[in-house]
Amino acid sequence: MAYFKGQKEPVPEVETNVWSCTSESCQGWMREAFTFDENPKCPLCESDMSKETRVLPVIE
């Protein structure tokens, strides 16, 4: 195995369903698996959230 200046193995990523804040001034989002609400409010600004798909690191 070769070692390079602080480089580590790449983290596996997967398409993940998330809730994203609909407010233009807020960048809040959360993984769909981490909420129990059917229509959650943004934990940062209390705005409505919409479903999206993002490519994120895998969490085990």
PDB file of N, CA and C in Angstrom:
ATOM      1  N   MET A   1       0.848  -1.169   0.000  1.00  0.00           N
ATOM      2  CA  MET A   1       0.000   0.000   0.000  1.00  0.00           C
ATOM      3  C   MET A   1       0.897   1.237   0.000  1.00  0.00           C
ATOM      4  N   ALA A   2       0.583   2.177  -0.855  1.00  0.00           N
ATOM      5  CA  ALA A   2       1.375   3.403  -0.959  1.00  0.00           C
ATOM      6  C   ALA A   2       0.764   4.493  -0.080  1.00  0.00           C
ATOM      7  N   TYR A   3       1.608   5.315   0.492  1.00  0.00           N
ATOM      8  CA  TYR A   3       1.142   6.418   1.320  1.00  0.00           C
ATOM      9  C   TYR A   3       1.518   7.735   0.650  1.00  0.00           C
ATOM     10  N   PHE A   4       0.576   8.625   0.577  1.00  0.00           N
ATOM     11  CA  PHE A   4       0.795   9.947   0.013  1.00  0.00           C
ATOM     12  C   PHE A   4       0.462  10.964   1.078  1.00  0.00           C
ATOM     13  N   LYS A   5       0.960  12.142   0.959  1.00  0.00           N
ATOM     14  CA  LYS A   5       0.788  13.215   1.946  1.00  0.00           C
ATOM     15  C   LYS A   5      -0.637  13.297   2.507  1.00  0.00           C
ATOM     16  N   GLY A   6      -0.913  12.559   3.541  1.00  0.00           N
ATOM     17  CA  GLY A   6      -2.187  12.666   4.241  1.00  0.00           C
ATOM     18  C   GLY A   6      -3.385  12.119   3.495  1.00  0.00           C
ATOM     19  N   GLN A   7      -3.199  11.616   2.281  1.00  0.00           N
ATOM     20  CA  GLN A   7      -4.342  11.079   1.554  1.00  0.00           C
ATOM     21  C   GLN A   7      -4.763   9.759   2.178  1.00  0.00           C
ATOM     22  N   LYS A   8      -6.061   9.602   2.313  1.00  0.00           N
ATOM     23  CA  LYS A   8      -6.615   8.368   2.843  1.00  0.00           C
ATOM     24  C   LYS A   8      -7.411   7.694   1.739  1.00  0.00           C
ATOM     25  N   GLU A   9      -7.859   6.498   2.018  1.00  0.00           N
ATOM     26  CA  GLU A   9      -8.695   5.807   1.040  1.00  0.00           C
ATOM     27  C   GLU A   9      -9.972   6.608   0.832  1.00  0.00           C
ATOM     28  N   PRO A  10     -10.493   6.632  -0.397  1.00  0.00           N
ATOM     29  CA  PRO A  10     -11.734   7.371  -0.642  1.00  0.00           C
ATOM     30  C   PRO A  10     -12.891   6.760   0.152  1.00  0.00           C
ATOM     31  N   VAL A  11     -13.757   7.621   0.659  1.00  0.00           N
ATOM     32  CA  VAL A  11     -14.922   7.185   1.419  1.00  0.00           C
ATOM     33  C   VAL A  11     -16.010   6.772   0.432  1.00  0.00           C
ATOM     34  N   PRO A  12     -16.607   5.573   0.587  1.00  0.00           N
ATOM     35  CA  PRO A  12     -17.663   5.167  -0.334  1.00  0.00           C
ATOM     36  C   PRO A  12     -18.864   6.104  -0.216  1.00  0.00           C
ATOM     37  N   GLU A  13     -19.449   6.434  -1.372  1.00  0.00           N
ATOM     38  CA  GLU A  13     -20.610   7.327  -1.395  1.00  0.00           C
ATOM     39  C   GLU A  13     -21.769   6.613  -2.072  1.00  0.00           C
ATOM     40  N   VAL A  14     -22.984   7.026  -1.717  1.00  0.00           N
ATOM     41  CA  VAL A  14     -24.190   6.414  -2.264  1.00  0.00           C
ATOM     42  C   VAL A  14     -25.268   7.486  -2.397  1.00  0.00           C
ATOM     43  N   GLU A  15     -26.171   7.314  -3.364  1.00  0.00           N
ATOM     44  CA  GLU A  15     -27.298   8.231  -3.483  1.00  0.00           C
ATOM     45  C   GLU A  15     -28.182   8.047  -2.258  1.00  0.00           C
ATOM     46  N   THR A  16     -28.517   9.162  -1.603  1.00  0.00           N
ATOM     47  CA  THR A  16     -29.242   9.131  -0.338  1.00  0.00           C
ATOM     48  C   THR A  16     -30.419  10.094  -0.400  1.00  0.00           C
ATOM     49  N   ASN A  17     -31.585   9.656   0.084  1.00  0.00           N
ATOM     50  CA  ASN A  17     -32.743  10.548   0.170  1.00  0.00           C
ATOM     51  C   ASN A  17     -32.549  11.483   1.348  1.00  0.00           C
ATOM     52  N   VAL A  18     -32.773  12.787   1.116  1.00  0.00           N
ATOM     53  CA  VAL A  18     -32.631  13.785   2.165  1.00  0.00           C
ATOM     54  C   VAL A  18     -33.819  14.738   2.134  1.00  0.00           C
ATOM     55  N   TRP A  19     -34.018  15.429   3.246  1.00  0.00           N
ATOM     56  CA  TRP A  19     -34.936  16.552   3.325  1.00  0.00           C
ATOM     57  C   TRP A  19     -34.089  17.808   3.243  1.00  0.00           C
ATOM     58  N   SER A  20     -34.469  18.734   2.367  1.00  0.00           N
ATOM     59  CA  SER A  20     -33.717  19.965   2.168  1.00  0.00           C
ATOM     60  C   SER A  20     -34.610  21.161   2.463  1.00  0.00           C
ATOM     61  N   CYS A  21     -34.080  22.166   3.150  1.00  0.00           N
ATOM     62  CA  CYS A  21     -34.842  23.353   3.510  1.00  0.00           C
ATOM     63  C   CYS A  21     -35.245  24.110   2.242  1.00  0.00           C
ATOM     64  N   THR A  22     -36.481  24.610   2.208  1.00  0.00           N
ATOM     65  CA  THR A  22     -36.981  25.338   1.042  1.00  0.00           C
ATOM     66  C   THR A  22     -36.668  26.830   1.111  1.00  0.00           C
ATOM     67  N   SER A  23     -36.157  27.314   2.238  1.00  0.00           N
ATOM     68  CA  SER A  23     -35.822  28.729   2.378  1.00  0.00           C
ATOM     69  C   SER A  23     -34.544  29.047   1.609  1.00  0.00           C
ATOM     70  N   GLU A  24     -34.570  30.094   0.811  1.00  0.00           N
ATOM     71  CA  GLU A  24     -33.399  30.476   0.015  1.00  0.00           C
ATOM     72  C   GLU A  24     -32.237  30.936   0.890  1.00  0.00           C
ATOM     73  N   SER A  25     -32.525  31.412   2.099  1.00  0.00           N
ATOM     74  CA  SER A  25     -31.463  31.927   2.968  1.00  0.00           C
ATOM     75  C   SER A  25     -30.900  30.865   3.922  1.00  0.00           C
ATOM     76  N   CYS A  26     -31.391  29.640   3.814  1.00  0.00           N
ATOM     77  CA  CYS A  26     -30.962  28.561   4.713  1.00  0.00           C
ATOM     78  C   CYS A  26     -30.434  27.392   3.878  1.00  0.00           C
ATOM     79  N   GLN A  27     -29.377  26.760   4.337  1.00  0.00           N
ATOM     80  CA  GLN A  27     -28.816  25.601   3.639  1.00  0.00           C
ATOM     81  C   GLN A  27     -29.028  24.305   4.428  1.00  0.00           C
ATOM     82  N   GLY A  28     -30.003  24.311   5.332  1.00  0.00           N
ATOM     83  CA  GLY A  28     -30.248  23.144   6.174  1.00  0.00           C
ATOM     84  C   GLY A  28     -30.744  21.943   5.385  1.00  0.00           C
ATOM     85  N   TRP A  29     -30.316  20.756   5.808  1.00  0.00           N
ATOM     86  CA  TRP A  29     -30.787  19.505   5.240  1.00  0.00           C
ATOM     87  C   TRP A  29     -30.524  18.391   6.239  1.00  0.00           C
ATOM     88  N   MET A  30     -31.218  17.262   6.076  1.00  0.00           N
ATOM     89  CA  MET A  30     -30.980  16.085   6.919  1.00  0.00           C
ATOM     90  C   MET A  30     -31.329  14.828   6.141  1.00  0.00           C
ATOM     91  N   ARG A  31     -30.660  13.755   6.491  1.00  0.00           N
ATOM     92  CA  ARG A  31     -30.949  12.476   5.851  1.00  0.00           C
ATOM     93  C   ARG A  31     -32.377  12.060   6.206  1.00  0.00           C
ATOM     94  N   GLU A  32     -33.083  11.507   5.226  1.00  0.00           N
ATOM     95  CA  GLU A  32     -34.460  11.075   5.434  1.00  0.00           C
ATOM     96  C   GLU A  32     -34.546  10.036   6.554  1.00  0.00           C
ATOM     97  N   ALA A  33     -33.540   9.185   6.672  1.00  0.00           N
ATOM     98  CA  ALA A  33     -33.552   8.126   7.680  1.00  0.00           C
ATOM     99  C   ALA A  33     -33.422   8.673   9.104  1.00  0.00           C
ATOM    100  N   PHE A  34     -33.053   9.943   9.262  1.00  0.00           N
ATOM    101  CA  PHE A  34     -32.843  10.511  10.585  1.00  0.00           C
ATOM    102  C   PHE A  34     -34.000  11.376  11.069  1.00  0.00           C
ATOM    103  N   THR A  35     -35.174  11.226  10.465  1.00  0.00           N
ATOM    104  CA  THR A  35     -36.344  11.958  10.935  1.00  0.00           C
ATOM    105  C   THR A  35     -37.527  11.003  11.052  1.00  0.00           C
ATOM    106  N   PHE A  36     -38.416  11.297  11.979  1.00  0.00           N
ATOM    107  CA  PHE A  36     -39.608  10.479  12.167  1.00  0.00           C
ATOM    108  C   PHE A  36     -40.844  11.181  11.627  1.00  0.00           C
ATOM    109  N   ASP A  37     -40.741  12.459  11.253  1.00  0.00           N
ATOM    110  CA  ASP A  37     -41.874  13.230  10.761  1.00  0.00           C
ATOM    111  C   ASP A  37     -42.109  12.973   9.281  1.00  0.00           C
ATOM    112  N   GLU A  38     -43.398  12.957   8.879  1.00  0.00           N
ATOM    113  CA  GLU A  38     -43.723  12.791   7.462  1.00  0.00           C
ATOM    114  C   GLU A  38     -43.387  14.048   6.671  1.00  0.00           C
ATOM    115  N   ASN A  39     -43.556  15.210   7.265  1.00  0.00           N
ATOM    116  CA  ASN A  39     -43.229  16.494   6.651  1.00  0.00           C
ATOM    117  C   ASN A  39     -42.485  17.343   7.672  1.00  0.00           C
ATOM    118  N   PRO A  40     -41.182  17.101   7.826  1.00  0.00           N
ATOM    119  CA  PRO A  40     -40.432  17.802   8.879  1.00  0.00           C
ATOM    120  C   PRO A  40     -40.240  19.288   8.576  1.00  0.00           C
ATOM    121  N   LYS A  41     -40.014  20.053   9.623  1.00  0.00           N
ATOM    122  CA  LYS A  41     -39.635  21.464   9.522  1.00  0.00           C
ATOM    123  C   LYS A  41     -38.121  21.540   9.680  1.00  0.00           C
ATOM    124  N   CYS A  42     -37.532  22.543   9.071  1.00  0.00           N
ATOM    125  CA  CYS A  42     -36.082  22.720   9.158  1.00  0.00           C
ATOM    126  C   CYS A  42     -35.683  22.955  10.617  1.00  0.00           C
ATOM    127  N   PRO A  43     -34.709  22.205  11.120  1.00  0.00           N
ATOM    128  CA  PRO A  43     -34.282  22.388  12.508  1.00  0.00           C
ATOM    129  C   PRO A  43     -33.536  23.706  12.723  1.00  0.00           C
ATOM    130  N   LEU A  44     -33.106  24.356  11.649  1.00  0.00           N
ATOM    131  CA  LEU A  44     -32.368  25.612  11.774  1.00  0.00           C
ATOM    132  C   LEU A  44     -33.274  26.837  11.705  1.00  0.00           C
ATOM    133  N   CYS A  45     -34.267  26.827  10.791  1.00  0.00           N
ATOM    134  CA  CYS A  45     -35.076  28.034  10.594  1.00  0.00           C
ATOM    135  C   CYS A  45     -36.577  27.783  10.651  1.00  0.00           C
ATOM    136  N   GLU A  46     -36.998  26.537  10.853  1.00  0.00           N
ATOM    137  CA  GLU A  46     -38.411  26.154  10.959  1.00  0.00           C
ATOM    138  C   GLU A  46     -39.196  26.272   9.650  1.00  0.00           C
ATOM    139  N   SER A  47     -38.518  26.425   8.508  1.00  0.00           N
ATOM    140  CA  SER A  47     -39.205  26.456   7.206  1.00  0.00           C
ATOM    141  C   SER A  47     -39.595  25.044   6.790  1.00  0.00           C
ATOM    142  N   ASP A  48     -40.462  24.949   5.769  1.00  0.00           N
ATOM    143  CA  ASP A  48     -40.818  23.644   5.221  1.00  0.00           C
ATOM    144  C   ASP A  48     -39.597  23.033   4.551  1.00  0.00           C
ATOM    145  N   MET A  49     -39.642  21.709   4.404  1.00  0.00           N
ATOM    146  CA  MET A  49     -38.540  21.003   3.748  1.00  0.00           C
ATOM    147  C   MET A  49     -39.107  20.173   2.603  1.00  0.00           C
ATOM    148  N   SER A  50     -38.274  19.913   1.593  1.00  0.00           N
ATOM    149  CA  SER A  50     -38.693  19.088   0.468  1.00  0.00           C
ATOM    150  C   SER A  50     -37.691  17.951   0.286  1.00  0.00           C
ATOM    151  N   LYS A  51     -38.159  16.858  -0.337  1.00  0.00           N
ATOM    152  CA  LYS A  51     -37.295  15.693  -0.539  1.00  0.00           C
ATOM    153  C   LYS A  51     -36.376  15.920  -1.727  1.00  0.00           C
ATOM    154  N   GLU A  52     -35.145  15.427  -1.591  1.00  0.00           N
ATOM    155  CA  GLU A  52     -34.128  15.476  -2.645  1.00  0.00           C
ATOM    156  C   GLU A  52     -33.308  14.201  -2.551  1.00  0.00           C
ATOM    157  N   THR A  53     -32.454  14.010  -3.535  1.00  0.00           N
ATOM    158  CA  THR A  53     -31.466  12.938  -3.498  1.00  0.00           C
ATOM    159  C   THR A  53     -30.098  13.560  -3.638  1.00  0.00           C
ATOM    160  N   ARG A  54     -29.173  13.176  -2.766  1.00  0.00           N
ATOM    161  CA  ARG A  54     -27.790  13.665  -2.800  1.00  0.00           C
ATOM    162  C   ARG A  54     -26.843  12.481  -2.728  1.00  0.00           C
ATOM    163  N   VAL A  55     -25.652  12.658  -3.253  1.00  0.00           N
ATOM    164  CA  VAL A  55     -24.616  11.632  -3.130  1.00  0.00           C
ATOM    165  C   VAL A  55     -23.811  11.972  -1.885  1.00  0.00           C
ATOM    166  N   LEU A  56     -23.905  11.098  -0.879  1.00  0.00           N
ATOM    167  CA  LEU A  56     -23.285  11.342   0.426  1.00  0.00           C
ATOM    168  C   LEU A  56     -22.455  10.128   0.851  1.00  0.00           C
ATOM    169  N   PRO A  57     -21.516  10.361   1.773  1.00  0.00           N
ATOM    170  CA  PRO A  57     -20.751   9.237   2.318  1.00  0.00           C
ATOM    171  C   PRO A  57     -21.670   8.243   3.024  1.00  0.00           C
ATOM    172  N   VAL A  58     -21.328   6.992   2.933  1.00  0.00           N
ATOM    173  CA  VAL A  58     -22.106   5.926   3.570  1.00  0.00           C
ATOM    174  C   VAL A  58     -21.932   6.021   5.078  1.00  0.00           C
ATOM    175  N   ILE A  59     -23.046   5.888   5.808  1.00  0.00           N
ATOM    176  CA  ILE A  59     -23.022   5.828   7.274  1.00  0.00           C
ATOM    177  C   ILE A  59     -23.510   4.449   7.671  1.00  0.00           C
ATOM    178  N   GLU A  60     -22.704   3.777   8.475  1.00  0.00           N
ATOM    179  CA  GLU A  60     -23.097   2.422   8.903  1.00  0.00           C
ATOM    180  C   GLU A  60     -23.736   2.445  10.253  1.00  0.00           C
TER     181      GLU A  60
END
